[in-house]
């Protein structure tokens, strides 16, 4: 399991989650912060400019952030952390996950982009 530090709108299942206990809280000595940005385009013409960061914290686990500089009305973000999907705020952070990806969804159609 993991914990998202901020940005969860629909926290079903998160409140009762247990933090990851098999990773080292200290930063990996050779880890570097990475940052990437992309304009996500959901069906129906919805767009959002999203940036995310990730940083190795050891044992194959990461911490990072996401932020959105612009987004269309009628859209929302979803995040998937180690196989569990959540609705997200437009910015936030995560820690203690092996895989974290984001997608943009159209509120009207509920159709989404591919995971990024």
N, C-alpha and C. Protein backbone atom coordinates (compact mmCIF):
# COMPACT_ATOMS: atom_id res chain seq x y z
N UNK A 1 0.84 -1.17 0.00
CA UNK A 1 0.00 0.00 0.00
C UNK A 1 0.89 1.24 0.00
N UNK A 2 0.34 2.36 0.08
CA UNK A 2 1.05 3.63 -0.04
C UNK A 2 0.22 4.70 0.63
N UNK A 3 0.76 5.89 0.65
CA UNK A 3 -0.10 6.99 1.02
C UNK A 3 0.13 8.18 0.12
N UNK A 4 -0.96 8.79 -0.30
CA UNK A 4 -0.90 10.03 -1.07
C UNK A 4 -0.95 11.14 -0.05
N UNK A 5 -0.01 12.06 -0.15
CA UNK A 5 0.09 13.11 0.86
C UNK A 5 -0.90 14.24 0.64
N UNK A 6 -1.28 14.48 -0.60
CA UNK A 6 -2.22 15.57 -0.87
C UNK A 6 -2.90 15.30 -2.19
N UNK A 7 -4.00 15.99 -2.41
CA UNK A 7 -4.60 15.98 -3.72
C UNK A 7 -5.66 14.95 -3.96
N UNK A 8 -6.04 14.17 -2.99
CA UNK A 8 -7.07 13.17 -3.22
C UNK A 8 -8.44 13.81 -3.04
N UNK A 9 -9.26 13.72 -4.06
CA UNK A 9 -10.63 14.21 -3.96
C UNK A 9 -11.56 13.09 -3.52
N UNK A 10 -11.41 11.96 -4.16
CA UNK A 10 -12.24 10.81 -3.81
C UNK A 10 -11.34 9.85 -3.06
N UNK A 11 -11.38 9.87 -1.76
CA UNK A 11 -10.41 9.13 -0.96
C UNK A 11 -10.92 7.76 -0.53
N UNK A 12 -11.86 7.22 -1.24
CA UNK A 12 -12.37 5.89 -0.89
C UNK A 12 -11.23 4.90 -0.89
N UNK A 13 -11.04 4.24 0.22
CA UNK A 13 -9.98 3.26 0.33
C UNK A 13 -8.66 3.82 0.79
N UNK A 14 -8.46 5.12 0.74
CA UNK A 14 -7.18 5.68 1.14
C UNK A 14 -7.10 5.88 2.64
N UNK A 15 -8.18 6.34 3.23
CA UNK A 15 -8.16 6.64 4.66
C UNK A 15 -7.75 5.44 5.48
N UNK A 16 -8.16 4.25 5.08
CA UNK A 16 -7.81 3.06 5.83
C UNK A 16 -6.56 2.37 5.35
N UNK A 17 -5.86 2.95 4.39
CA UNK A 17 -4.66 2.32 3.85
C UNK A 17 -3.54 2.36 4.86
N UNK A 18 -2.72 1.36 4.80
CA UNK A 18 -1.54 1.30 5.64
C UNK A 18 -0.35 1.81 4.84
N UNK A 19 0.56 2.56 5.45
CA UNK A 19 1.73 3.04 4.72
C UNK A 19 2.65 1.88 4.35
N UNK A 20 3.44 2.09 3.32
CA UNK A 20 4.42 1.09 2.93
C UNK A 20 5.46 0.99 4.02
N UNK A 21 5.80 -0.21 4.41
CA UNK A 21 6.78 -0.36 5.49
C UNK A 21 8.07 -1.00 5.01
N UNK A 22 8.14 -1.41 3.74
CA UNK A 22 9.34 -2.09 3.29
C UNK A 22 10.21 -1.22 2.39
N UNK A 23 10.17 0.09 2.57
CA UNK A 23 11.09 0.96 1.86
C UNK A 23 11.78 1.86 2.85
N UNK A 24 12.96 2.32 2.47
CA UNK A 24 13.78 3.17 3.33
C UNK A 24 13.37 4.62 3.14
N UNK A 25 13.03 5.31 4.23
CA UNK A 25 12.61 6.70 4.16
C UNK A 25 13.74 7.63 3.71
N UNK A 26 14.99 7.19 3.83
CA UNK A 26 16.09 8.04 3.41
C UNK A 26 16.18 8.04 1.89
N UNK A 27 16.59 9.17 1.35
CA UNK A 27 16.71 9.29 -0.10
C UNK A 27 17.85 8.39 -0.59
N UNK A 28 17.64 7.80 -1.76
CA UNK A 28 18.70 7.01 -2.38
C UNK A 28 19.85 7.96 -2.71
N UNK A 29 21.10 7.60 -2.40
CA UNK A 29 22.21 8.53 -2.56
C UNK A 29 22.45 8.97 -4.00
N UNK A 30 22.13 8.15 -4.98
CA UNK A 30 22.39 8.51 -6.37
C UNK A 30 21.13 8.93 -7.11
N UNK A 31 20.03 9.11 -6.41
CA UNK A 31 18.76 9.46 -7.05
C UNK A 31 18.77 10.93 -7.48
N UNK A 32 18.09 11.19 -8.58
CA UNK A 32 17.94 12.55 -9.08
C UNK A 32 16.46 12.85 -9.28
N UNK A 33 16.08 14.08 -9.02
CA UNK A 33 14.71 14.51 -9.26
C UNK A 33 14.49 14.62 -10.76
N UNK A 34 13.44 14.02 -11.24
CA UNK A 34 13.07 14.12 -12.66
C UNK A 34 11.77 14.89 -12.76
N UNK A 35 11.61 15.64 -13.87
CA UNK A 35 10.38 16.41 -14.09
C UNK A 35 10.01 16.30 -15.56
N UNK A 36 8.72 16.12 -15.82
CA UNK A 36 8.21 16.07 -17.19
C UNK A 36 6.87 16.78 -17.23
N UNK A 37 6.58 17.40 -18.37
CA UNK A 37 5.30 18.10 -18.57
C UNK A 37 4.68 17.63 -19.88
N UNK A 38 3.36 17.66 -19.91
CA UNK A 38 2.65 17.22 -21.11
C UNK A 38 1.26 17.83 -21.14
N UNK A 39 0.79 18.15 -22.34
CA UNK A 39 -0.60 18.56 -22.50
C UNK A 39 -1.41 17.30 -22.77
N UNK A 40 -2.29 16.96 -21.84
CA UNK A 40 -3.15 15.79 -22.00
C UNK A 40 -4.41 16.21 -22.72
N UNK A 41 -4.87 15.40 -23.68
CA UNK A 41 -6.05 15.72 -24.49
C UNK A 41 -7.07 14.60 -24.37
N UNK A 42 -8.11 14.86 -23.60
CA UNK A 42 -9.17 13.86 -23.40
C UNK A 42 -10.19 13.97 -24.53
N UNK A 43 -10.96 12.91 -24.77
CA UNK A 43 -12.02 12.96 -25.78
C UNK A 43 -12.98 14.13 -25.50
N UNK A 44 -13.48 14.72 -26.57
CA UNK A 44 -14.40 15.85 -26.42
C UNK A 44 -13.69 17.19 -26.34
N UNK A 45 -12.39 17.21 -26.66
CA UNK A 45 -11.66 18.47 -26.70
C UNK A 45 -11.19 19.00 -25.36
N UNK A 46 -11.23 18.21 -24.31
CA UNK A 46 -10.77 18.65 -22.99
C UNK A 46 -9.25 18.53 -22.92
N UNK A 47 -8.59 19.56 -22.39
CA UNK A 47 -7.13 19.54 -22.27
C UNK A 47 -6.69 19.98 -20.89
N UNK A 48 -5.49 19.57 -20.52
CA UNK A 48 -4.86 20.04 -19.29
C UNK A 48 -3.35 19.97 -19.49
N UNK A 49 -2.65 20.99 -19.03
CA UNK A 49 -1.20 21.01 -19.05
C UNK A 49 -0.74 20.53 -17.68
N UNK A 50 -0.16 19.34 -17.64
CA UNK A 50 0.20 18.69 -16.38
C UNK A 50 1.71 18.47 -16.33
N UNK A 51 2.30 18.76 -15.19
CA UNK A 51 3.71 18.44 -14.94
C UNK A 51 3.78 17.50 -13.75
N UNK A 52 4.77 16.64 -13.77
CA UNK A 52 4.95 15.75 -12.63
C UNK A 52 6.44 15.55 -12.37
N UNK A 53 6.74 15.25 -11.12
CA UNK A 53 8.11 14.96 -10.72
C UNK A 53 8.13 13.58 -10.09
N UNK A 54 9.31 12.96 -10.07
CA UNK A 54 9.48 11.71 -9.34
C UNK A 54 10.93 11.62 -8.89
N UNK A 55 11.11 10.97 -7.76
CA UNK A 55 12.42 10.87 -7.12
C UNK A 55 12.49 9.52 -6.43
N UNK A 56 13.53 8.76 -6.73
CA UNK A 56 13.70 7.45 -6.10
C UNK A 56 14.03 7.61 -4.62
N UNK A 57 13.34 6.84 -3.79
CA UNK A 57 13.60 6.90 -2.34
C UNK A 57 14.14 5.57 -1.82
N UNK A 58 14.47 4.66 -2.72
CA UNK A 58 15.07 3.39 -2.33
C UNK A 58 14.09 2.24 -2.40
N UNK A 59 14.62 1.07 -2.66
CA UNK A 59 13.81 -0.14 -2.69
C UNK A 59 12.82 -0.19 -3.85
N UNK A 60 13.05 0.62 -4.88
CA UNK A 60 12.14 0.67 -6.02
C UNK A 60 10.94 1.58 -5.82
N UNK A 61 10.93 2.33 -4.72
CA UNK A 61 9.82 3.24 -4.42
C UNK A 61 10.18 4.68 -4.79
N UNK A 62 9.12 5.47 -5.04
CA UNK A 62 9.29 6.86 -5.46
C UNK A 62 8.41 7.79 -4.66
N UNK A 63 8.80 9.05 -4.66
CA UNK A 63 7.96 10.14 -4.19
C UNK A 63 7.93 11.16 -5.31
N UNK A 64 6.91 12.01 -5.32
CA UNK A 64 6.84 13.02 -6.36
C UNK A 64 5.63 13.91 -6.21
N UNK A 65 5.47 14.77 -7.20
CA UNK A 65 4.37 15.73 -7.21
C UNK A 65 3.75 15.79 -8.60
N UNK A 66 2.58 16.38 -8.67
CA UNK A 66 1.99 16.74 -9.96
C UNK A 66 1.36 18.11 -9.80
N UNK A 67 1.33 18.88 -10.88
CA UNK A 67 0.65 20.17 -10.86
C UNK A 67 0.11 20.46 -12.25
N UNK A 68 -0.93 21.27 -12.28
CA UNK A 68 -1.62 21.59 -13.53
C UNK A 68 -1.63 23.10 -13.70
N UNK A 69 -1.07 23.58 -14.81
CA UNK A 69 -1.02 25.03 -15.04
C UNK A 69 -2.29 25.53 -15.73
N UNK A 70 -2.98 24.66 -16.45
CA UNK A 70 -4.25 25.04 -17.08
C UNK A 70 -5.06 23.77 -17.32
N UNK A 71 -6.39 23.93 -17.34
CA UNK A 71 -7.24 22.78 -17.62
C UNK A 71 -8.60 23.26 -18.10
N UNK A 72 -9.23 22.43 -18.92
CA UNK A 72 -10.56 22.75 -19.45
C UNK A 72 -11.62 22.55 -18.38
N UNK A 73 -12.65 23.38 -18.42
CA UNK A 73 -13.83 23.15 -17.59
C UNK A 73 -14.44 21.82 -18.03
N UNK A 74 -15.03 21.11 -17.10
CA UNK A 74 -15.66 19.84 -17.44
C UNK A 74 -14.67 18.70 -17.59
N UNK A 75 -13.53 18.81 -16.92
CA UNK A 75 -12.53 17.74 -16.96
C UNK A 75 -12.02 17.49 -15.54
N UNK A 76 -11.39 16.35 -15.35
CA UNK A 76 -10.80 16.02 -14.05
C UNK A 76 -9.62 15.09 -14.25
N UNK A 77 -8.74 15.05 -13.25
CA UNK A 77 -7.57 14.18 -13.29
C UNK A 77 -7.83 12.90 -12.51
N UNK A 78 -7.25 11.82 -13.00
CA UNK A 78 -7.20 10.58 -12.23
C UNK A 78 -5.74 10.17 -12.11
N UNK A 79 -5.42 9.54 -11.00
CA UNK A 79 -4.10 8.99 -10.78
C UNK A 79 -4.21 7.52 -10.48
N UNK A 80 -3.18 6.78 -10.85
CA UNK A 80 -3.12 5.36 -10.54
C UNK A 80 -1.80 5.11 -9.84
N UNK A 81 -1.86 4.66 -8.61
CA UNK A 81 -0.68 4.38 -7.80
C UNK A 81 -0.67 2.89 -7.49
N UNK A 82 0.29 2.20 -8.05
CA UNK A 82 0.45 0.76 -7.83
C UNK A 82 -0.84 -0.01 -8.06
N UNK A 83 -1.56 0.36 -9.13
CA UNK A 83 -2.75 -0.39 -9.52
C UNK A 83 -4.07 0.10 -8.95
N UNK A 84 -4.05 1.12 -8.11
CA UNK A 84 -5.29 1.66 -7.53
C UNK A 84 -5.55 3.04 -8.12
N UNK A 85 -6.77 3.27 -8.61
CA UNK A 85 -7.12 4.51 -9.28
C UNK A 85 -7.90 5.44 -8.35
N UNK A 86 -7.55 6.74 -8.42
CA UNK A 86 -8.16 7.77 -7.58
C UNK A 86 -8.44 9.01 -8.42
N UNK A 87 -9.49 9.75 -8.08
CA UNK A 87 -9.67 11.09 -8.63
C UNK A 87 -8.74 12.02 -7.87
N UNK A 88 -8.08 12.92 -8.59
CA UNK A 88 -7.06 13.79 -8.00
C UNK A 88 -7.47 15.25 -8.06
N UNK A 89 -6.89 16.04 -7.17
CA UNK A 89 -6.96 17.50 -7.28
C UNK A 89 -6.02 17.91 -8.41
N UNK A 90 -6.02 19.17 -8.77
CA UNK A 90 -5.17 19.63 -9.87
C UNK A 90 -3.71 19.68 -9.50
N UNK A 91 -3.38 19.58 -8.24
CA UNK A 91 -1.98 19.43 -7.83
C UNK A 91 -1.93 18.64 -6.53
N UNK A 92 -0.79 18.03 -6.28
CA UNK A 92 -0.64 17.23 -5.08
C UNK A 92 0.67 16.49 -5.08
N UNK A 93 0.80 15.52 -4.19
CA UNK A 93 2.04 14.76 -4.07
C UNK A 93 1.75 13.33 -3.67
N UNK A 94 2.74 12.50 -3.85
CA UNK A 94 2.63 11.09 -3.48
C UNK A 94 3.98 10.62 -2.93
N UNK A 95 3.98 9.50 -2.25
CA UNK A 95 5.21 8.96 -1.67
C UNK A 95 5.01 7.48 -1.43
N UNK A 96 6.07 6.72 -1.61
CA UNK A 96 6.04 5.30 -1.28
C UNK A 96 5.31 4.45 -2.29
N UNK A 97 5.40 4.80 -3.57
CA UNK A 97 4.77 4.00 -4.61
C UNK A 97 5.82 3.55 -5.61
N UNK A 98 5.56 2.41 -6.23
CA UNK A 98 6.48 1.92 -7.26
C UNK A 98 6.10 2.44 -8.63
N UNK A 99 4.82 2.74 -8.83
CA UNK A 99 4.37 3.25 -10.13
C UNK A 99 3.23 4.24 -9.91
N UNK A 100 3.38 5.43 -10.49
CA UNK A 100 2.34 6.45 -10.39
C UNK A 100 2.14 7.07 -11.77
N UNK A 101 0.92 7.02 -12.28
CA UNK A 101 0.59 7.58 -13.59
C UNK A 101 -0.68 8.42 -13.48
N UNK A 102 -0.85 9.32 -14.44
CA UNK A 102 -1.95 10.28 -14.44
C UNK A 102 -2.68 10.23 -15.78
N UNK A 103 -3.98 10.54 -15.75
CA UNK A 103 -4.72 10.72 -16.99
C UNK A 103 -5.77 11.81 -16.79
N UNK A 104 -6.23 12.38 -17.91
CA UNK A 104 -7.26 13.41 -17.91
C UNK A 104 -8.55 12.80 -18.41
N UNK A 105 -9.66 13.13 -17.76
CA UNK A 105 -10.97 12.59 -18.14
C UNK A 105 -11.95 13.72 -18.44
N UNK A 106 -12.89 13.43 -19.33
CA UNK A 106 -13.98 14.33 -19.67
C UNK A 106 -15.12 14.04 -18.69
N UNK A 107 -15.55 15.05 -17.94
CA UNK A 107 -16.60 14.85 -16.93
C UNK A 107 -17.93 14.42 -17.54
N UNK A 108 -18.24 14.90 -18.73
CA UNK A 108 -19.51 14.59 -19.37
C UNK A 108 -19.58 13.17 -19.91
N UNK A 109 -18.51 12.74 -20.56
CA UNK A 109 -18.52 11.42 -21.20
C UNK A 109 -17.86 10.35 -20.34
N UNK A 110 -17.08 10.76 -19.34
CA UNK A 110 -16.30 9.85 -18.49
C UNK A 110 -15.22 9.12 -19.28
N UNK A 111 -14.90 9.61 -20.48
CA UNK A 111 -13.82 9.02 -21.27
C UNK A 111 -12.53 9.74 -20.93
N UNK A 112 -11.42 8.98 -20.96
CA UNK A 112 -10.14 9.50 -20.48
C UNK A 112 -9.03 9.27 -21.49
N UNK A 113 -7.94 9.99 -21.29
CA UNK A 113 -6.73 9.77 -22.08
C UNK A 113 -6.09 8.45 -21.65
N UNK A 114 -5.07 8.06 -22.36
CA UNK A 114 -4.24 6.94 -21.91
C UNK A 114 -3.48 7.40 -20.66
N UNK A 115 -3.02 6.46 -19.86
CA UNK A 115 -2.23 6.80 -18.67
C UNK A 115 -0.90 7.39 -19.11
N UNK A 116 -0.47 8.40 -18.37
CA UNK A 116 0.83 9.03 -18.60
C UNK A 116 1.57 9.11 -17.30
